[in-house]
Amino acid sequence: MSDTRVALVGACGRMGSLIIRRLLATDGMKISAAFDLVNIGKDIGEVIGVGKLDVPVSDSKDLSSVLKESKTDVLIDFTIAVATAANAPVAAAAGVNLIIGTTGLTAEQKTNITDAVIKNNVAAVISSNYSIGVGVFFKLLKEAARYLGDEYDVEIIEAHHNQKKDAPSGTAMTAAEIISKEMGGKEFVFGREGICPRGKEIGIHAVRGGDIVGDHTVMFVGNSERIELRHQAHSREIFVGGAVMAAKWVISQKKGVVYEMSDVLS
């Protein structure tokens, strides 16, 4: 069986370089192309310090042609919403499967990407978090919400590094959506200020500081007791492993479908 050929958008960044290193260490995976706004024309292996890979950094404006010429099977994208919204449909049109870890995508952007996946008969995994532990965290939240119901107030607190652009995090929003669905539909309130008596909403709060990789705490607060479920990421490596796992998995899945990380883990 031939190797799965993987391309990356944002290849020169922190996540991109970590994913490339993991791909190089994973049997059956091969780097086919790399895209970024910087280091155009340079060898991506030399850029990230792993030695020459004979894969030049390409400009995203050449995405379609490079993906086709390199016979890429899967494109991994952990960049920013505006870039992903533009690049994902182009990659799908080139017949390339997608692994998207970008957060902050609007409902319209997600719909456009989904439509491109269906129209071009490729497969995609779109997830706010590729950590295996977060997958378990989401399952525990669903169970807790099912048992506790309206008798408990729900507050979500997330913390990330000071360079994160979007807030609240995609993981916090996914957690809120899981809980809301289990509780029959809840309004979301983002932070509180002034006179704001609490109703039955889910409160969501964002903290930004230093080099925090990612902390998420969900509080189910009742009268005389509370339950807290927490996930703390110690390193970006947890997202890298999940992304590579998803890239390997998506190749053999039914086309024209958008999957979530929970599908990969199951």
Protein backbone atom coordinates (compact mmCIF):
# COMPACT_ATOMS: atom_id res chain seq x y z
CA MET A 1 0.00 0.00 0.00
CA SER A 2 1.41 3.41 -0.95
CA ASP A 3 2.06 6.15 1.58
CA THR A 4 -0.63 8.73 2.37
CA ARG A 5 0.55 12.01 0.85
CA VAL A 6 -0.08 14.93 3.20
CA ALA A 7 0.15 18.68 2.62
CA LEU A 8 0.04 21.45 5.23
CA VAL A 9 -1.16 25.04 5.20
CA GLY A 10 0.76 27.22 7.66
CA ALA A 11 3.64 24.77 7.45
CA CYS A 12 6.25 27.15 8.88
CA GLY A 13 4.29 27.96 12.03
CA ARG A 14 4.39 26.27 15.43
CA MET A 15 1.64 23.76 14.75
CA GLY A 16 2.76 23.20 11.17
CA SER A 17 6.32 22.32 12.15
CA LEU A 18 5.12 20.01 14.94
CA ILE A 19 2.78 18.20 12.55
CA ILE A 20 5.54 17.76 9.96
CA ARG A 21 7.86 16.27 12.59
CA ARG A 22 5.15 13.84 13.66
CA LEU A 23 4.35 12.89 10.06
CA LEU A 24 8.03 12.13 9.42
CA ALA A 25 7.99 9.81 12.43
CA THR A 26 4.79 8.03 11.36
CA ASP A 27 4.91 4.98 9.09
CA GLY A 28 2.85 5.25 5.94
CA MET A 29 2.78 9.08 5.86
CA LYS A 30 4.67 11.35 3.47
CA ILE A 31 4.96 15.15 3.21
CA SER A 32 3.81 16.06 -0.30
CA ALA A 33 3.49 19.86 -0.15
CA ALA A 34 3.82 22.82 2.22
CA PHE A 35 2.13 26.22 2.06
CA ASP A 36 2.76 29.46 3.93
CA LEU A 37 2.99 33.24 3.54
CA VAL A 38 6.73 33.22 4.31
CA ASN A 39 9.82 31.30 3.15
CA ILE A 40 8.32 30.76 -0.32
CA GLY A 41 10.62 28.55 -2.41
CA LYS A 42 12.69 27.33 0.54
CA ASP A 43 12.79 23.66 1.51
CA ILE A 44 10.30 23.13 4.35
CA GLY A 45 12.59 20.62 6.08
CA GLU A 46 15.42 23.15 6.25
CA VAL A 47 13.01 25.89 7.38
CA ILE A 48 11.84 23.90 10.41
CA GLY A 49 15.25 22.36 11.12
CA VAL A 50 14.79 18.70 10.22
CA GLY A 51 16.99 18.62 7.13
CA LYS A 52 16.23 18.75 3.42
CA LEU A 53 12.94 17.10 2.43
CA ASP A 54 12.84 18.21 -1.22
CA VAL A 55 9.46 19.87 -0.55
CA PRO A 56 9.50 23.61 -1.29
CA VAL A 57 7.24 26.05 0.57
CA SER A 58 4.56 27.21 -1.87
CA ASP A 59 2.31 30.25 -1.88
CA SER A 60 -1.34 29.50 -1.04
CA LYS A 61 -2.41 31.22 -4.25
CA ASP A 62 -0.93 28.18 -6.02
CA LEU A 63 -2.80 25.75 -3.77
CA SER A 64 -4.85 24.01 -6.46
CA SER A 65 -2.04 23.41 -8.94
CA VAL A 66 0.50 22.32 -6.31
CA LEU A 67 -1.95 19.90 -4.67
CA LYS A 68 -2.69 18.29 -8.03
CA GLU A 69 0.96 18.13 -9.16
CA SER A 70 2.07 16.64 -5.82
CA LYS A 71 -0.77 14.06 -5.87
CA THR A 72 -1.73 15.07 -2.34
CA ASP A 73 -4.29 12.89 -0.55
CA VAL A 74 -4.96 15.03 2.54
CA LEU A 75 -4.53 18.70 3.42
CA ILE A 76 -4.10 19.63 7.10
CA ASP A 77 -5.09 23.19 8.04
CA PHE A 78 -4.62 24.67 11.54
CA THR A 79 -4.41 28.33 10.50
CA ILE A 80 -6.94 31.17 10.83
CA ALA A 81 -10.59 31.28 9.83
CA VAL A 82 -10.29 33.65 6.88
CA ALA A 83 -7.49 31.54 5.33
CA THR A 84 -9.21 28.21 5.94
CA ALA A 85 -12.50 29.51 4.52
CA ALA A 86 -10.68 30.42 1.29
CA ASN A 87 -8.37 27.41 1.02
CA ALA A 88 -10.59 24.49 2.02
CA PRO A 89 -13.02 24.74 -0.95
CA VAL A 90 -10.06 25.05 -3.34
CA ALA A 91 -8.48 21.90 -1.90
CA ALA A 92 -11.78 20.03 -2.05
CA ALA A 93 -12.19 21.05 -5.70
CA ALA A 94 -8.73 19.56 -6.33
CA GLY A 95 -9.99 16.23 -4.96
CA VAL A 96 -8.08 16.48 -1.68
CA ASN A 97 -9.46 15.30 1.68
CA LEU A 98 -9.38 17.79 4.56
CA ILE A 99 -8.29 17.84 8.20
CA ILE A 100 -9.31 21.20 9.66
CA GLY A 101 -8.39 22.30 13.18
CA THR A 102 -8.92 26.03 12.65
CA THR A 103 -11.19 27.67 15.23
CA GLY A 104 -13.31 30.80 14.91
CA LEU A 105 -15.06 29.69 11.70
CA THR A 106 -18.47 31.31 11.26
CA ALA A 107 -21.58 29.26 10.54
CA GLU A 108 -21.51 30.52 6.95
CA GLN A 109 -17.86 29.54 6.51
CA LYS A 110 -18.54 26.05 7.90
CA THR A 111 -21.50 25.66 5.55
CA ASN A 112 -19.42 26.70 2.54
CA ILE A 113 -16.71 24.17 3.43
CA THR A 114 -19.29 21.42 3.97
CA ASP A 115 -20.92 22.20 0.63
CA ALA A 116 -17.50 21.97 -1.09
CA VAL A 117 -16.81 18.60 0.55
CA ILE A 118 -20.15 17.20 -0.62
CA LYS A 119 -19.96 18.71 -4.12
CA ASN A 120 -16.44 17.41 -4.77
CA ASN A 121 -16.98 14.03 -3.10
CA VAL A 122 -14.06 14.21 -0.67
CA ALA A 123 -14.01 13.47 3.06
CA ALA A 124 -13.19 15.92 5.86
CA VAL A 125 -12.64 15.98 9.59
CA ILE A 126 -13.47 19.35 11.13
CA SER A 127 -12.92 19.63 14.86
CA SER A 128 -12.30 22.39 17.39
CA ASN A 129 -9.88 20.09 19.23
CA TYR A 130 -7.89 17.04 18.10
CA SER A 131 -6.84 15.92 21.58
CA ILE A 132 -7.86 12.36 22.47
CA GLY A 133 -8.35 13.52 26.06
CA VAL A 134 -10.72 16.28 24.96
CA GLY A 135 -12.74 13.67 23.09
CA VAL A 136 -13.25 11.86 26.40
CA PHE A 137 -13.91 15.22 28.12
CA PHE A 138 -16.77 15.91 25.69
CA LYS A 139 -18.30 12.48 26.38
CA LEU A 140 -18.16 13.11 30.15
CA LEU A 141 -19.82 16.52 29.72
CA LYS A 142 -22.66 14.94 27.77
CA GLU A 143 -23.23 12.37 30.50
CA ALA A 144 -23.08 14.97 33.28
CA ALA A 145 -25.55 17.26 31.48
CA ARG A 146 -27.93 14.36 30.90
CA TYR A 147 -28.01 13.45 34.59
CA LEU A 148 -27.92 16.92 36.15
CA GLY A 149 -30.29 18.83 33.89
CA ASP A 150 -31.83 22.22 34.71
CA GLU A 151 -31.26 21.93 38.44
CA TYR A 152 -27.62 22.91 37.95
CA ASP A 153 -26.17 26.14 36.56
CA VAL A 154 -23.43 25.72 33.97
CA GLU A 155 -20.35 27.93 33.65
CA ILE A 156 -17.46 27.35 31.24
CA ILE A 157 -14.05 28.95 31.78
CA GLU A 158 -11.29 28.61 29.19
CA ALA A 159 -7.71 29.92 29.26
CA HIS A 160 -5.19 30.20 26.42
CA HIS A 161 -1.93 31.93 25.54
CA ASN A 162 -1.81 35.65 24.82
CA GLN A 163 -1.37 35.15 21.06
CA LYS A 164 -4.67 33.34 20.48
CA LYS A 165 -6.80 35.46 18.18
CA ASP A 166 -10.34 34.12 18.69
CA ALA A 167 -12.40 33.99 21.87
CA PRO A 168 -14.02 32.03 23.28
CA SER A 169 -12.12 28.96 22.12
CA GLY A 170 -13.66 26.50 19.72
CA THR A 171 -13.37 23.82 22.40
CA ALA A 172 -15.36 25.94 24.87
CA MET A 173 -18.05 26.50 22.24
CA THR A 174 -18.22 22.80 21.41
CA ALA A 175 -18.57 22.01 25.12
CA ALA A 176 -21.39 24.56 25.43
CA GLU A 177 -23.17 23.15 22.38
CA ILE A 178 -22.94 19.58 23.71
CA ILE A 179 -24.36 20.60 27.09
CA SER A 180 -27.06 22.82 25.57
CA LYS A 181 -28.27 20.04 23.28
CA GLU A 182 -28.47 17.60 26.20
CA MET A 183 -30.40 20.16 28.30
CA GLY A 184 -32.90 21.02 25.58
CA GLY A 185 -31.39 24.26 24.31
CA LYS A 186 -29.69 27.06 26.25
CA GLU A 187 -28.76 30.66 25.59
CA PHE A 188 -25.04 31.46 25.75
CA VAL A 189 -23.79 34.48 27.70
CA PHE A 190 -20.21 35.60 27.11
CA GLY A 191 -18.81 37.14 30.27
CA ARG A 192 -20.89 39.34 32.55
CA GLU A 193 -20.82 43.00 33.47
CA GLY A 194 -23.13 45.37 35.31
CA ILE A 195 -26.56 44.24 36.46
CA CYS A 196 -27.05 40.78 35.00
CA PRO A 197 -29.13 38.38 37.09
CA ARG A 198 -28.47 34.77 36.20
CA GLY A 199 -31.08 32.82 34.32
CA LYS A 200 -30.84 29.37 32.76
CA GLU A 201 -28.06 30.35 30.37
CA ILE A 202 -24.63 28.80 29.96
CA GLY A 203 -21.96 31.32 30.94
CA ILE A 204 -18.75 31.25 28.87
CA HIS A 205 -15.61 33.11 29.96
CA ALA A 206 -12.23 33.53 28.24
CA VAL A 207 -8.84 34.15 29.85
CA ARG A 208 -5.75 35.08 27.81
CA GLY A 209 -2.24 35.16 29.21
CA GLY A 210 1.35 34.01 28.87
CA ASP A 211 1.95 30.66 27.19
CA ILE A 212 -1.08 28.68 28.40
CA VAL A 213 -1.59 25.90 25.85
CA GLY A 214 -5.26 25.35 26.69
CA ASP A 215 -7.31 24.90 29.87
CA HIS A 216 -11.05 24.20 29.93
CA THR A 217 -13.16 23.94 33.07
CA VAL A 218 -16.90 23.25 33.11
CA MET A 219 -18.76 23.87 36.37
CA PHE A 220 -22.14 22.31 37.11
CA VAL A 221 -23.26 24.29 40.14
CA GLY A 222 -26.24 23.27 42.27
CA ASN A 223 -27.46 24.20 45.71
CA SER A 224 -24.88 23.08 48.31
CA GLU A 225 -22.62 21.33 45.79
CA ARG A 226 -20.85 21.61 42.46
CA ILE A 227 -19.16 19.31 39.99
CA GLU A 228 -16.18 20.48 37.94
CA LEU A 229 -14.82 18.73 34.89
CA ARG A 230 -11.48 20.01 33.61
CA HIS A 231 -9.10 19.33 30.77
CA GLN A 232 -5.63 20.87 30.72
CA ALA A 233 -3.32 20.67 27.72
CA HIS A 234 0.36 20.61 28.71
CA SER A 235 1.72 20.64 25.15
CA ARG A 236 0.53 21.19 21.57
CA GLU A 237 1.73 17.64 20.89
CA ILE A 238 -1.70 16.34 21.99
CA PHE A 239 -3.32 18.14 19.04
CA VAL A 240 -0.60 16.99 16.65
CA GLY A 241 -1.11 13.31 17.41
CA GLY A 242 -4.85 13.58 16.87
CA ALA A 243 -4.43 15.46 13.58
CA VAL A 244 -2.08 12.83 12.17
CA MET A 245 -4.41 10.07 13.38
CA ALA A 246 -7.31 11.80 11.60
CA ALA A 247 -5.29 12.21 8.39
CA LYS A 248 -4.58 8.49 8.36
CA TRP A 249 -8.21 7.64 9.15
CA VAL A 250 -10.04 9.94 6.72
CA ILE A 251 -8.54 8.34 3.60
CA SER A 252 -10.61 5.18 3.96
CA GLN A 253 -13.90 6.84 4.97
CA LYS A 254 -17.04 7.42 2.92
CA LYS A 255 -16.66 10.49 0.69
CA GLY A 256 -18.91 13.52 0.63
CA VAL A 257 -19.10 13.53 4.43
CA VAL A 258 -17.80 15.88 7.13
CA TYR A 259 -16.71 13.98 10.24
CA GLU A 260 -15.78 15.09 13.76
CA MET A 261 -12.91 13.95 15.96
CA SER A 262 -15.39 11.83 17.93
CA ASP A 263 -15.88 9.77 14.76
CA VAL A 264 -12.12 9.22 14.47
CA LEU A 265 -11.86 8.14 18.11
CA SER A 266 -14.80 5.75 17.85
